[in-house]
N, C-alpha and C. Protein backbone atom coordinates (compact mmCIF):
# COMPACT_ATOMS: atom_id res chain seq x y z
N UNK A 1 8.96 -17.13 -14.47
CA UNK A 1 9.88 -16.45 -16.08
C UNK A 1 9.84 -18.28 -17.03
N UNK A 2 10.23 -19.05 -16.69
CA UNK A 2 10.16 -20.24 -17.29
C UNK A 2 8.70 -20.64 -18.09
N UNK A 3 8.08 -20.08 -17.16
CA UNK A 3 6.36 -20.84 -17.60
C UNK A 3 6.30 -19.70 -18.35
N UNK A 4 6.40 -18.54 -18.31
CA UNK A 4 5.76 -17.69 -19.39
C UNK A 4 6.55 -17.76 -20.64
N UNK A 5 7.78 -17.87 -20.32
CA UNK A 5 8.85 -18.89 -22.01
C UNK A 5 7.70 -19.62 -22.64
N UNK A 6 7.75 -20.68 -21.55
CA UNK A 6 6.49 -21.89 -22.25
C UNK A 6 5.19 -21.17 -23.21
N UNK A 7 4.52 -20.45 -21.92
CA UNK A 7 3.48 -20.37 -22.85
C UNK A 7 3.27 -19.16 -24.03
N UNK A 8 4.52 -18.41 -24.23
CA UNK A 8 4.94 -17.38 -25.11
C UNK A 8 5.07 -18.64 -26.48
N UNK A 9 5.78 -19.60 -26.30
CA UNK A 9 6.09 -20.16 -27.61
C UNK A 9 4.60 -20.82 -27.78
N UNK A 10 4.29 -21.65 -27.31
CA UNK A 10 2.88 -22.04 -27.51
C UNK A 10 1.72 -21.39 -27.88
N UNK A 11 1.84 -20.22 -27.42
CA UNK A 11 1.14 -19.29 -28.18
C UNK A 11 1.33 -18.83 -29.74
N UNK A 12 2.80 -18.37 -29.56
CA UNK A 12 3.02 -19.06 -31.20
C UNK A 12 2.87 -19.64 -32.36
N UNK A 13 2.97 -21.41 -31.27
CA UNK A 13 2.50 -22.42 -32.33
C UNK A 13 1.48 -22.44 -32.69
N UNK A 14 0.33 -22.13 -31.89
CA UNK A 14 -0.68 -22.21 -31.73
C UNK A 14 -1.36 -21.01 -32.52
N UNK A 15 -0.64 -19.84 -33.27
CA UNK A 15 -1.05 -18.75 -33.81
C UNK A 15 -0.86 -18.92 -35.05
N UNK A 16 0.63 -19.90 -35.33
CA UNK A 16 1.03 -19.98 -37.00
C UNK A 16 0.40 -21.96 -37.11
N UNK A 17 -0.05 -22.08 -36.53
CA UNK A 17 -1.18 -23.50 -36.82
C UNK A 17 -2.26 -22.88 -37.33
N UNK A 18 -2.91 -22.02 -36.57
CA UNK A 18 -4.36 -21.56 -37.60
C UNK A 18 -4.10 -20.47 -38.53
N UNK A 19 -3.02 -20.01 -38.36
CA UNK A 19 -2.80 -18.45 -39.70
C UNK A 19 -2.05 -20.27 -40.94
N UNK A 20 -1.41 -21.19 -40.31
CA UNK A 20 -1.81 -22.58 -41.90
C UNK A 20 -2.51 -22.78 -41.88
N UNK A 21 -3.61 -23.13 -41.38
CA UNK A 21 -5.39 -23.62 -41.29
C UNK A 21 -5.86 -22.63 -42.60
N UNK A 22 -5.76 -21.33 -41.90
CA UNK A 22 -6.74 -20.27 -42.97
C UNK A 22 -5.95 -19.97 -44.36
N UNK A 23 -4.78 -20.38 -44.27
CA UNK A 23 -3.89 -20.42 -45.78
C UNK A 23 -4.85 -21.44 -46.74
N UNK A 24 -4.57 -22.77 -45.86
CA UNK A 24 -5.12 -24.09 -47.02
C UNK A 24 -6.52 -23.18 -47.25
N UNK A 25 -7.32 -23.10 -46.54
CA UNK A 25 -9.03 -22.34 -46.63
C UNK A 25 -8.94 -21.79 -47.83
N UNK A 26 -8.01 -20.40 -47.80
CA UNK A 26 -8.56 -19.77 -48.93
C UNK A 26 -7.60 -20.51 -50.07
N UNK A 27 -6.15 -21.11 -49.91
CA UNK A 27 -5.72 -21.56 -51.14
C UNK A 27 -7.31 -22.24 -51.97
N UNK A 28 -7.70 -23.46 -50.93
CA UNK A 28 -9.08 -23.96 -51.28
C UNK A 28 -9.78 -23.20 -52.32
N UNK A 29 -10.69 -22.05 -51.68
CA UNK A 29 -11.13 -21.32 -52.00
C UNK A 29 -10.66 -20.84 -53.32
N UNK A 30 -9.67 -20.23 -53.57
CA UNK A 30 -8.97 -19.64 -54.71
C UNK A 30 -8.65 -20.74 -56.07
N UNK A 31 -8.69 -21.83 -55.69
CA UNK A 31 -8.42 -22.34 -56.65
C UNK A 31 -10.29 -22.82 -57.33
N UNK A 32 -11.03 -22.92 -56.41
CA UNK A 32 -12.45 -23.64 -57.00
C UNK A 32 -12.62 -22.00 -57.31
N UNK A 33 -12.06 -20.63 -57.02
CA UNK A 33 -12.73 -19.48 -58.37
C UNK A 33 -11.74 -19.87 -59.61
N UNK A 34 -10.68 -20.36 -59.75
CA UNK A 34 -10.02 -20.71 -60.93
C UNK A 34 -10.50 -21.47 -61.65
N UNK A 35 -11.06 -22.54 -61.11
CA UNK A 35 -11.86 -23.36 -62.07
C UNK A 35 -13.30 -22.89 -62.58
N UNK A 36 -13.73 -22.51 -61.70
CA UNK A 36 -14.88 -21.56 -62.33
C UNK A 36 -14.70 -20.43 -63.16
N UNK A 37 -13.43 -19.96 -63.15
CA UNK A 37 -12.99 -19.19 -64.03
C UNK A 37 -12.68 -19.65 -65.39
N UNK A 38 -12.11 -20.80 -65.55
CA UNK A 38 -11.90 -21.56 -66.89
C UNK A 38 -12.66 -22.11 -67.75
N UNK A 39 -13.98 -22.65 -66.56
CA UNK A 39 -14.98 -22.77 -67.58
C UNK A 39 -16.05 -21.95 -67.91
N UNK A 40 -15.86 -21.19 -67.34
CA UNK A 40 -16.96 -19.62 -67.90
C UNK A 40 -15.99 -19.10 -69.31
N UNK A 41 -14.59 -18.94 -69.05
CA UNK A 41 -13.77 -18.63 -70.51
C UNK A 41 -14.77 -19.45 -71.22
N UNK A 42 -13.76 -20.75 -70.92
CA UNK A 42 -14.28 -22.34 -72.00
C UNK A 42 -16.01 -21.86 -72.76
N UNK A 43 -16.74 -21.87 -72.03
CA UNK A 43 -18.04 -21.41 -72.69
C UNK A 43 -18.01 -20.56 -73.38
N UNK A 44 -17.22 -18.89 -72.61
CA UNK A 44 -17.76 -17.71 -73.70
C UNK A 44 -16.94 -17.97 -74.32
N UNK A 45 -15.54 -18.55 -74.62
CA UNK A 45 -15.25 -18.64 -76.13
C UNK A 45 -16.00 -19.81 -77.44
N UNK A 46 -16.62 -20.78 -76.29
CA UNK A 46 -17.28 -21.14 -77.46
C UNK A 46 -16.61 -22.81 -78.17
N UNK A 47 -15.62 -22.89 -77.01
CA UNK A 47 -14.95 -24.38 -78.15
C UNK A 47 -15.41 -25.25 -76.86
N UNK A 48 -14.73 -26.45 -77.32
CA UNK A 48 -15.18 -27.59 -77.29
C UNK A 48 -15.18 -28.09 -75.61
N UNK A 49 -15.53 -28.85 -74.83
CA UNK A 49 -15.08 -29.24 -73.48
C UNK A 49 -13.78 -29.95 -73.15
N UNK A 50 -13.33 -30.04 -74.41
CA UNK A 50 -12.13 -30.79 -74.16
C UNK A 50 -10.73 -29.66 -74.44
N UNK A 51 -11.00 -29.20 -74.76
CA UNK A 51 -10.23 -27.65 -74.48
C UNK A 51 -9.61 -27.28 -73.06
N UNK A 52 -10.36 -27.34 -71.79
CA UNK A 52 -10.15 -26.35 -70.71
C UNK A 52 -9.91 -28.04 -69.90
N UNK A 53 -10.28 -29.47 -70.41
CA UNK A 53 -10.31 -30.31 -69.78
C UNK A 53 -8.84 -30.79 -69.30
N UNK A 54 -8.22 -30.98 -69.69
CA UNK A 54 -6.71 -30.80 -69.22
C UNK A 54 -6.12 -30.20 -67.89
N UNK A 55 -6.64 -28.40 -67.82
CA UNK A 55 -6.25 -27.70 -67.01
C UNK A 55 -7.02 -28.18 -65.73
N UNK A 56 -8.52 -28.38 -65.60
CA UNK A 56 -9.29 -28.64 -64.94
C UNK A 56 -8.89 -30.41 -64.36
N UNK A 57 -8.50 -30.79 -64.85
CA UNK A 57 -7.72 -32.26 -64.27
C UNK A 57 -6.81 -31.65 -63.19
N UNK A 58 -5.58 -30.95 -63.94
CA UNK A 58 -4.96 -30.87 -63.54
C UNK A 58 -5.22 -29.60 -61.87
N UNK A 59 -6.11 -29.29 -62.02
CA UNK A 59 -6.64 -28.17 -61.13
C UNK A 59 -7.17 -29.24 -60.09
N UNK A 60 -8.13 -30.54 -60.23
CA UNK A 60 -8.68 -31.23 -59.24
C UNK A 60 -7.38 -32.29 -58.73
N UNK A 61 -6.28 -32.11 -59.45
CA UNK A 61 -4.84 -33.03 -58.61
C UNK A 61 -4.42 -32.18 -57.56
N UNK A 62 -4.87 -30.72 -57.89
CA UNK A 62 -3.95 -30.40 -57.00
C UNK A 62 -4.75 -29.75 -55.82
N UNK A 63 -6.25 -29.71 -55.79
CA UNK A 63 -7.14 -29.54 -55.28
C UNK A 63 -7.09 -30.55 -54.29
N UNK A 64 -6.95 -32.23 -54.95
CA UNK A 64 -7.03 -33.48 -53.84
C UNK A 64 -5.99 -33.09 -52.88
N UNK A 65 -5.06 -32.63 -53.16
CA UNK A 65 -3.45 -32.69 -52.36
C UNK A 65 -3.72 -31.67 -51.96
N UNK A 66 -3.91 -30.98 -51.78
CA UNK A 66 -4.67 -29.88 -50.57
C UNK A 66 -5.22 -30.04 -49.25
N UNK A 67 -6.37 -30.85 -50.37
CA UNK A 67 -7.69 -31.20 -49.34
C UNK A 67 -6.48 -32.20 -48.05
N UNK A 68 -5.61 -33.16 -48.84
CA UNK A 68 -5.10 -34.07 -48.10
C UNK A 68 -4.60 -33.39 -46.79
N UNK A 69 -3.59 -32.37 -47.52
CA UNK A 69 -3.15 -31.34 -46.40
C UNK A 69 -3.59 -30.62 -45.58
N UNK A 70 -5.20 -30.19 -45.91
CA UNK A 70 -5.76 -29.99 -45.04
C UNK A 70 -5.83 -30.71 -43.84
N UNK A 71 -6.04 -31.99 -44.17
CA UNK A 71 -6.22 -33.16 -42.80
C UNK A 71 -5.25 -33.39 -41.94
N UNK A 72 -4.32 -33.30 -42.48
CA UNK A 72 -3.07 -33.56 -42.62
C UNK A 72 -2.58 -32.33 -40.82
N UNK A 73 -3.06 -30.80 -41.81
CA UNK A 73 -2.87 -30.03 -40.47
C UNK A 73 -3.64 -30.24 -39.48
N UNK A 74 -5.07 -30.59 -39.80
CA UNK A 74 -6.30 -30.84 -38.54
C UNK A 74 -5.35 -31.63 -37.81
N UNK A 75 -4.86 -32.75 -38.40
CA UNK A 75 -4.45 -33.94 -37.39
C UNK A 75 -3.11 -33.38 -36.37
N UNK A 76 -2.36 -32.22 -37.22
CA UNK A 76 -1.35 -31.50 -36.60
C UNK A 76 -1.79 -31.03 -35.38
N UNK A 77 -2.92 -30.34 -35.43
CA UNK A 77 -3.46 -29.26 -35.07
C UNK A 77 -4.13 -30.21 -33.46
N UNK A 78 -4.70 -31.62 -33.59
CA UNK A 78 -4.75 -32.07 -32.73
C UNK A 78 -4.23 -32.75 -31.98
N UNK A 79 -3.18 -32.61 -32.52
CA UNK A 79 -1.59 -33.48 -32.01
C UNK A 79 -1.31 -32.73 -30.81
N UNK A 80 -1.20 -31.03 -31.54
CA UNK A 80 -0.34 -30.22 -30.63
C UNK A 80 -0.92 -30.05 -29.34
N UNK A 81 -2.76 -30.47 -29.86
CA UNK A 81 -3.48 -29.98 -28.34
C UNK A 81 -3.48 -30.94 -27.19
N UNK A 82 -3.19 -32.59 -28.10
CA UNK A 82 -2.72 -33.36 -27.00
C UNK A 82 -1.88 -33.14 -26.15
N UNK A 83 -0.56 -32.63 -26.95
CA UNK A 83 0.72 -32.48 -26.42
C UNK A 83 0.12 -31.57 -25.46
N UNK A 84 0.13 -30.61 -25.60
CA UNK A 84 -0.07 -29.57 -24.38
C UNK A 84 -0.44 -30.15 -23.02
N UNK A 85 -1.50 -31.11 -23.13
CA UNK A 85 -1.53 -31.54 -21.71
C UNK A 85 -0.38 -32.54 -20.95
N UNK A 86 0.23 -32.60 -22.05
CA UNK A 86 1.52 -33.44 -21.27
C UNK A 86 2.78 -32.21 -20.81
N UNK A 87 2.69 -30.71 -21.54
CA UNK A 87 3.96 -30.12 -21.07
C UNK A 87 3.46 -29.01 -19.68
N UNK A 88 4.19 -29.56 -19.25
CA UNK A 88 4.50 -28.87 -17.51
C UNK A 88 4.01 -27.23 -17.39
N UNK A 89 2.96 -26.95 -17.06
CA UNK A 89 2.58 -25.37 -17.27
C UNK A 89 1.63 -24.76 -18.25
N UNK A 90 1.01 -25.72 -19.36
CA UNK A 90 0.58 -25.65 -20.10
C UNK A 90 -1.29 -26.43 -20.14
N UNK A 91 -0.62 -27.07 -19.17
CA UNK A 91 -1.89 -28.00 -19.13
C UNK A 91 -3.26 -27.03 -18.59
N UNK A 92 -2.73 -26.03 -17.77
CA UNK A 92 -4.28 -25.64 -17.97
C UNK A 92 -4.40 -23.80 -18.48
N UNK A 93 -3.77 -23.98 -19.96
CA UNK A 93 -3.64 -22.60 -20.17
C UNK A 93 -4.34 -22.80 -21.14
N UNK A 94 -4.88 -21.38 -21.74
CA UNK A 94 -6.57 -21.48 -22.70
C UNK A 94 -5.70 -19.86 -23.20
N UNK A 95 -6.42 -20.18 -24.89
CA UNK A 95 -6.33 -18.61 -25.31
C UNK A 95 -7.38 -18.41 -25.79
N UNK A 96 -8.11 -17.43 -24.94
CA UNK A 96 -9.33 -16.93 -25.19
C UNK A 96 -10.31 -18.02 -24.42
N UNK A 97 -11.61 -17.44 -25.09
CA UNK A 97 -13.28 -18.45 -24.63
C UNK A 97 -12.58 -19.95 -25.63
N UNK A 98 -11.42 -20.36 -26.06
CA UNK A 98 -11.35 -21.20 -27.11
C UNK A 98 -10.24 -22.09 -26.49
N UNK A 99 -9.58 -22.45 -27.46
CA UNK A 99 -8.15 -23.91 -27.04
C UNK A 99 -7.60 -22.86 -27.77
N UNK A 100 -8.19 -22.00 -29.29
CA UNK A 100 -6.71 -21.64 -29.65
C UNK A 100 -7.28 -19.91 -29.74
N UNK A 101 -6.21 -19.31 -30.07
CA UNK A 101 -5.93 -17.99 -30.29
C UNK A 101 -6.70 -17.69 -31.56
N UNK A 102 -7.18 -16.07 -31.79
CA UNK A 102 -7.72 -16.18 -32.62
C UNK A 102 -7.76 -15.97 -33.57
N UNK A 103 -7.69 -16.40 -34.90
CA UNK A 103 -7.64 -16.27 -36.69
C UNK A 103 -7.04 -15.08 -37.11
N UNK A 104 -5.91 -14.83 -37.47
CA UNK A 104 -4.91 -13.85 -37.46
C UNK A 104 -4.64 -13.58 -39.01
N UNK A 105 -4.52 -14.94 -40.17
CA UNK A 105 -3.95 -15.02 -41.31
C UNK A 105 -4.23 -14.09 -42.05
N UNK A 106 -3.29 -13.48 -43.00
CA UNK A 106 -3.67 -12.44 -44.18
C UNK A 106 -2.87 -13.36 -45.06
N UNK A 107 -4.00 -13.65 -46.50
CA UNK A 107 -2.79 -14.47 -47.64
C UNK A 107 -2.65 -13.12 -48.60
N UNK A 108 -1.56 -12.98 -49.34
CA UNK A 108 -1.51 -11.84 -50.31
C UNK A 108 -1.01 -12.77 -51.87
N UNK A 109 -2.33 -13.10 -52.47
CA UNK A 109 -2.38 -13.63 -53.45
C UNK A 109 -2.20 -12.17 -54.70
N UNK A 110 -1.32 -12.70 -55.85
CA UNK A 110 -1.47 -12.31 -56.73
C UNK A 110 -1.63 -12.59 -58.01
N UNK A 111 -1.83 -12.30 -59.03
CA UNK A 111 -2.27 -13.01 -60.42
C UNK A 111 -0.60 -13.06 -61.25
N UNK A 112 -0.21 -14.22 -61.34
CA UNK A 112 0.46 -14.62 -61.92
C UNK A 112 0.40 -14.99 -63.43
N UNK A 113 1.65 -14.10 -64.48
CA UNK A 113 1.04 -14.95 -65.75
C UNK A 113 2.35 -15.61 -66.23
C-alpha cells in the first residue's frame, strides 16, 4: 500500500514537471510570435525602427528570464530523477518507455489588452 502511494505521488510530480516544461516552451514560442508580429506591425505602419525598439527590448529581457527558468526547471527535473534513485520503492519504477510520463500539458492563452 505504501509503495503504491509513493509511486502515485512520484507520478504526479513527474507529470507536473513535464507540464511546467511544456508551458515554458509554449511561452517562449508565444513571445517569439509576439516579437515577429510587433516587427511586422512596425514595418506595415512605416514608422522608424526606434518606435518598436523599447517593446522589443522588454520582450528580449522577458525571454532571457524565461530561458533561465527553462534551464532551472531542467535542473529540477534532473535532480528529481537523481532523487528517485534514493527513494525506496522508486529505484526500479519507470513511467512508460522513458523515465517520464507522457506530455499532457495544455495552455490556455488569451489575448489581453
